[in-house]
């Protein structure tokens, strides 16, 4: 499984772009506002893609243990398929 992470913010370490969206089999986001931003900025690339909102508040620091644990819990049902 190939996994990439990118951000919707303009100052993201790895900014999301149309190529990443096109290559993605599945797109996960932490909050509804991220899903809206992706659909608004990349309407063609994201048009037919399922963007799954994990419902995780975007308030954690990078690789914070609580975030990692929450991501594992929320992503597990999708990654078992």
Protein backbone atom coordinates (compact mmCIF):
# COMPACT_ATOMS: atom_id res chain seq x y z
CA UNK A 1 0.00 0.00 0.00
CA UNK A 2 1.35 3.39 -1.00
CA UNK A 3 0.35 6.19 1.36
CA UNK A 4 0.99 9.90 0.96
CA UNK A 5 0.12 12.84 3.14
CA UNK A 6 -0.46 16.38 1.93
CA UNK A 7 -2.00 19.51 3.36
CA UNK A 8 -4.65 21.90 2.13
CA UNK A 9 -2.97 24.94 3.71
CA UNK A 10 -0.79 27.12 1.50
CA UNK A 11 2.15 26.66 3.88
CA UNK A 12 1.83 22.86 4.10
CA UNK A 13 5.11 20.96 4.03
CA UNK A 14 3.67 18.89 1.17
CA UNK A 15 0.91 20.92 -0.47
CA UNK A 16 -1.97 19.05 -2.05
CA UNK A 17 -2.12 19.30 -5.83
CA UNK A 18 -4.17 17.93 -8.68
CA UNK A 19 -1.65 15.23 -9.52
CA UNK A 20 -1.83 13.75 -6.01
CA UNK A 21 -5.61 13.75 -6.16
CA UNK A 22 -5.63 12.10 -9.58
CA UNK A 23 -3.27 9.36 -8.36
CA UNK A 24 -5.25 8.69 -5.18
CA UNK A 25 -7.48 5.65 -4.85
CA UNK A 26 -8.91 7.06 -1.62
CA UNK A 27 -8.72 10.51 -0.06
CA UNK A 28 -9.07 11.03 3.67
CA UNK A 29 -9.36 14.37 5.41
CA UNK A 30 -9.57 15.33 9.04
CA UNK A 31 -12.40 17.88 8.92
CA UNK A 32 -15.33 18.85 6.70
CA UNK A 33 -13.60 22.13 5.84
CA UNK A 34 -10.73 20.14 4.31
CA UNK A 35 -13.16 18.23 2.09
CA UNK A 36 -14.78 21.49 0.99
CA UNK A 37 -11.37 23.02 0.24
CA UNK A 38 -10.35 20.03 -1.87
CA UNK A 39 -13.59 20.06 -3.86
CA UNK A 40 -13.39 23.84 -4.36
CA UNK A 41 -9.73 23.98 -5.39
CA UNK A 42 -9.68 20.82 -7.51
CA UNK A 43 -13.21 20.37 -8.90
CA UNK A 44 -12.08 18.40 -11.95
CA UNK A 45 -9.49 16.19 -10.27
CA UNK A 46 -11.64 15.50 -7.19
CA UNK A 47 -14.95 15.33 -9.05
CA UNK A 48 -15.49 11.59 -9.01
CA UNK A 49 -13.39 10.82 -5.96
CA UNK A 50 -14.73 9.80 -2.60
CA UNK A 51 -13.30 12.10 0.05
CA UNK A 52 -13.75 10.60 3.49
CA UNK A 53 -13.99 12.98 6.43
CA UNK A 54 -12.51 11.31 9.51
CA UNK A 55 -14.00 13.90 11.87
CA UNK A 56 -10.72 14.63 13.65
CA UNK A 57 -10.25 18.22 14.85
CA UNK A 58 -7.20 19.76 13.18
CA UNK A 59 -5.60 20.88 16.43
CA UNK A 60 -2.82 18.35 16.91
CA UNK A 61 0.89 18.78 16.31
CA UNK A 62 2.61 16.68 13.66
CA UNK A 63 2.96 13.06 14.84
CA UNK A 64 1.49 13.85 18.27
CA UNK A 65 0.79 10.52 19.96
CA UNK A 66 -2.90 11.29 20.53
CA UNK A 67 -3.29 12.13 16.82
CA UNK A 68 -1.49 8.98 15.67
CA UNK A 69 -3.71 6.83 17.90
CA UNK A 70 -6.86 8.57 16.70
CA UNK A 71 -5.84 8.20 13.05
CA UNK A 72 -5.17 4.50 13.54
CA UNK A 73 -8.58 4.02 15.13
CA UNK A 74 -10.46 6.01 12.48
CA UNK A 75 -8.59 4.57 9.48
CA UNK A 76 -8.60 0.93 10.56
CA UNK A 77 -12.05 0.07 9.10
CA UNK A 78 -11.06 1.52 5.71
CA UNK A 79 -7.64 -0.10 5.53
CA UNK A 80 -8.85 -3.60 6.40
CA UNK A 81 -10.88 -3.84 3.19
